[in-house]
Amino acid sequence: MNPGKKFEQLFQDSCIIQGISCTRLRDAGYRGEQSERRFTIKNICDFICYGGGQYLYFIELKSRKKAIPFKDLTQLDALIRKDNESHLNKCMFIFEFQEAKKYYIYPAKHINSLQGVLSKKSFNAQDAAKYMAEILTYIPAGKRKARLCLDNFKD
């Protein structure tokens, strides 16, 4: 399983164990297919989550070893539009920096201003630590694998 899929599974497992409703939007195409497909729909995000509060969360996950290029945030425009549709929608990116073993959350609507502040084509774990909220991890009782602490989804 590639690191991106492992991150998606970690996020989904973390939601389930914390009682957060989490719907995974699968990418179009056939299972295991590596090629580009024409005429397939493009999902707005990876997950739609609801933690019982007032907000519906649209979450896009990105996992990279060191740095995340802004050009890889292909869902940005769609997430900003969705965020502007209703004050009850919150569209977020969650970033995993594999080498640093760190996770950060950031609102989609602020990505463009972050790019302006950083004045570069990508951002790394140090940039994320400075400008984004870190998501901490914990190990649930009776488990061995760490989970993401997703308290902010329970508004």
Protein backbone atom coordinates (compact mmCIF):
# COMPACT_ATOMS: atom_id res chain seq x y z
CA MET A 1 0.00 0.00 0.00
CA ASN A 2 1.48 3.38 -0.97
CA PRO A 3 1.99 6.13 1.67
CA GLY A 4 -0.97 8.19 0.45
CA LYS A 5 -3.36 5.24 0.79
CA LYS A 6 -1.92 4.43 4.24
CA PHE A 7 -2.57 8.04 5.27
CA GLU A 8 -6.16 7.81 4.01
CA GLN A 9 -6.65 4.60 6.01
CA LEU A 10 -5.13 6.21 9.11
CA PHE A 11 -7.50 9.17 8.78
CA GLN A 12 -10.53 6.92 8.31
CA ASP A 13 -9.56 4.70 11.26
CA SER A 14 -9.02 7.80 13.42
CA CYS A 15 -12.50 9.09 12.55
CA ILE A 16 -14.17 5.77 13.31
CA ILE A 17 -12.51 5.32 16.70
CA GLN A 18 -13.47 8.91 17.70
CA GLY A 19 -17.12 8.63 16.61
CA ILE A 20 -16.84 10.96 13.61
CA SER A 21 -19.02 10.13 10.62
CA CYS A 22 -16.65 9.81 7.69
CA THR A 23 -17.53 9.15 4.05
CA ARG A 24 -14.68 8.28 1.69
CA LEU A 25 -15.06 9.55 -1.87
CA ARG A 26 -13.23 7.05 -4.05
CA ASP A 27 -11.32 8.19 -7.10
CA ALA A 28 -12.80 7.31 -10.49
CA GLY A 29 -11.29 4.46 -12.46
CA TYR A 30 -10.66 0.82 -11.83
CA ARG A 31 -9.12 -0.57 -8.67
CA GLY A 32 -5.35 -0.61 -8.93
CA GLU A 33 -5.30 1.27 -12.22
CA GLN A 34 -2.31 3.54 -12.63
CA SER A 35 -3.12 5.26 -15.94
CA GLU A 36 -4.92 8.54 -16.58
CA ARG A 37 -8.59 8.09 -17.50
CA ARG A 38 -10.51 10.41 -19.75
CA PHE A 39 -14.09 11.52 -19.11
CA THR A 40 -14.21 10.55 -15.44
CA ILE A 41 -15.54 12.76 -12.70
CA LYS A 42 -13.12 14.43 -10.33
CA ASN A 43 -14.01 14.32 -6.65
CA ILE A 44 -14.05 17.56 -4.71
CA CYS A 45 -12.12 15.92 -1.85
CA ASP A 46 -11.12 12.63 -0.25
CA PHE A 47 -13.55 12.66 2.71
CA ILE A 48 -16.73 14.30 3.93
CA CYS A 49 -16.92 14.26 7.74
CA TYR A 50 -19.43 15.19 10.40
CA GLY A 51 -18.59 15.15 14.08
CA GLY A 52 -22.00 15.99 15.52
CA GLY A 53 -21.53 19.76 15.68
CA GLN A 54 -22.71 22.45 13.31
CA TYR A 55 -20.17 22.03 10.48
CA LEU A 56 -19.81 19.64 7.58
CA TYR A 57 -16.13 19.09 6.77
CA PHE A 58 -14.76 18.51 3.28
CA ILE A 59 -11.26 17.08 3.71
CA GLU A 60 -8.50 16.62 1.15
CA LEU A 61 -5.43 14.67 2.31
CA LYS A 62 -1.93 15.18 0.90
CA SER A 63 1.07 13.07 1.87
CA ARG A 64 4.63 13.77 0.76
CA LYS A 65 8.12 12.93 2.04
CA LYS A 66 9.48 16.46 2.48
CA ALA A 67 7.69 19.26 0.61
CA ILE A 68 4.26 19.74 -0.91
CA PRO A 69 4.13 21.74 -4.15
CA PHE A 70 1.23 24.18 -4.34
CA LYS A 71 0.53 22.90 -7.88
CA ASP A 72 -0.37 19.49 -6.37
CA LEU A 73 -3.36 21.02 -4.56
CA THR A 74 -5.57 20.35 -7.58
CA GLN A 75 -8.86 20.42 -5.63
CA LEU A 76 -8.21 23.91 -4.26
CA ASP A 77 -10.63 25.86 -6.47
CA ALA A 78 -13.47 23.36 -5.97
CA LEU A 79 -12.94 23.38 -2.19
CA ILE A 80 -12.95 27.19 -2.05
CA ARG A 81 -16.23 27.25 -4.03
CA LYS A 82 -17.74 24.65 -1.67
CA ASP A 83 -16.55 26.65 1.36
CA ASN A 84 -18.25 29.77 -0.02
CA GLU A 85 -21.57 27.95 -0.62
CA SER A 86 -22.50 27.89 3.06
CA HIS A 87 -21.15 29.12 6.37
CA LEU A 88 -21.73 25.56 7.61
CA ASN A 89 -19.15 24.07 5.21
CA LYS A 90 -15.52 23.87 6.28
CA CYS A 91 -13.10 22.82 3.57
CA MET A 92 -9.69 21.77 4.83
CA PHE A 93 -6.44 20.22 3.70
CA ILE A 94 -4.65 17.80 5.99
CA PHE A 95 -0.98 17.38 5.17
CA GLU A 96 1.31 14.54 6.16
CA PHE A 97 5.08 15.06 6.04
CA GLN A 98 6.35 11.49 6.05
CA GLU A 99 9.98 12.14 7.01
CA ALA A 100 9.04 14.47 9.88
CA LYS A 101 6.11 12.21 10.90
CA LYS A 102 3.98 15.33 11.37
CA TYR A 103 0.39 16.17 10.41
CA TYR A 104 -1.06 19.63 9.84
CA ILE A 105 -4.51 21.01 9.02
CA TYR A 106 -5.16 24.20 7.06
CA PRO A 107 -8.29 25.85 5.58
CA ALA A 108 -8.50 25.63 1.80
CA LYS A 109 -9.64 29.25 1.53
CA HIS A 110 -6.31 30.47 3.00
CA ILE A 111 -3.94 28.47 0.77
CA ASN A 112 -3.53 31.27 -1.79
CA SER A 113 -2.57 33.78 0.89
CA LEU A 114 -0.11 31.24 2.34
CA GLN A 115 1.52 30.91 -1.06
CA GLY A 116 1.85 34.70 -1.20
CA VAL A 117 3.43 34.84 2.27
CA LEU A 118 5.90 32.05 1.53
CA SER A 119 6.79 33.34 -1.96
CA LYS A 120 7.84 29.88 -3.15
CA LYS A 121 6.41 27.00 -5.14
CA SER A 122 6.11 24.51 -2.28
CA PHE A 123 6.06 24.29 1.50
CA ASN A 124 7.75 21.92 3.92
CA ALA A 125 7.19 20.74 7.50
CA GLN A 126 8.97 23.81 8.93
CA ASP A 127 6.65 26.14 6.99
CA ALA A 128 3.64 24.11 8.10
CA ALA A 129 4.74 24.27 11.75
CA LYS A 130 4.91 28.04 11.50
CA TYR A 131 1.58 28.70 9.74
CA MET A 132 -0.67 25.66 10.28
CA ALA A 133 -2.31 23.86 13.17
CA GLU A 134 -0.61 20.58 14.04
CA ILE A 135 -2.71 17.46 14.45
CA LEU A 136 -1.39 15.45 17.35
CA THR A 137 -1.41 11.66 17.51
CA TYR A 138 -2.31 9.31 20.34
CA ILE A 139 -2.43 5.56 20.90
CA PRO A 140 -5.91 4.33 21.92
CA ALA A 141 -6.22 1.90 24.80
CA GLY A 142 -5.61 -1.66 23.66
CA LYS A 143 -4.13 -0.59 20.31
CA ARG A 144 -0.57 -0.42 19.03
CA LYS A 145 -0.99 1.96 16.11
CA ALA A 146 -1.16 5.72 16.68
CA ARG A 147 -4.26 7.60 15.53
CA LEU A 148 -4.83 11.26 14.66
CA CYS A 149 -6.51 13.33 17.37
CA LEU A 150 -9.48 14.86 15.51
CA ASP A 151 -11.17 16.81 18.30
CA ASN A 152 -11.58 19.86 16.06
CA PHE A 153 -14.16 17.94 13.95
CA LYS A 154 -16.50 17.71 16.91
CA ASP A 155 -16.99 21.52 16.99
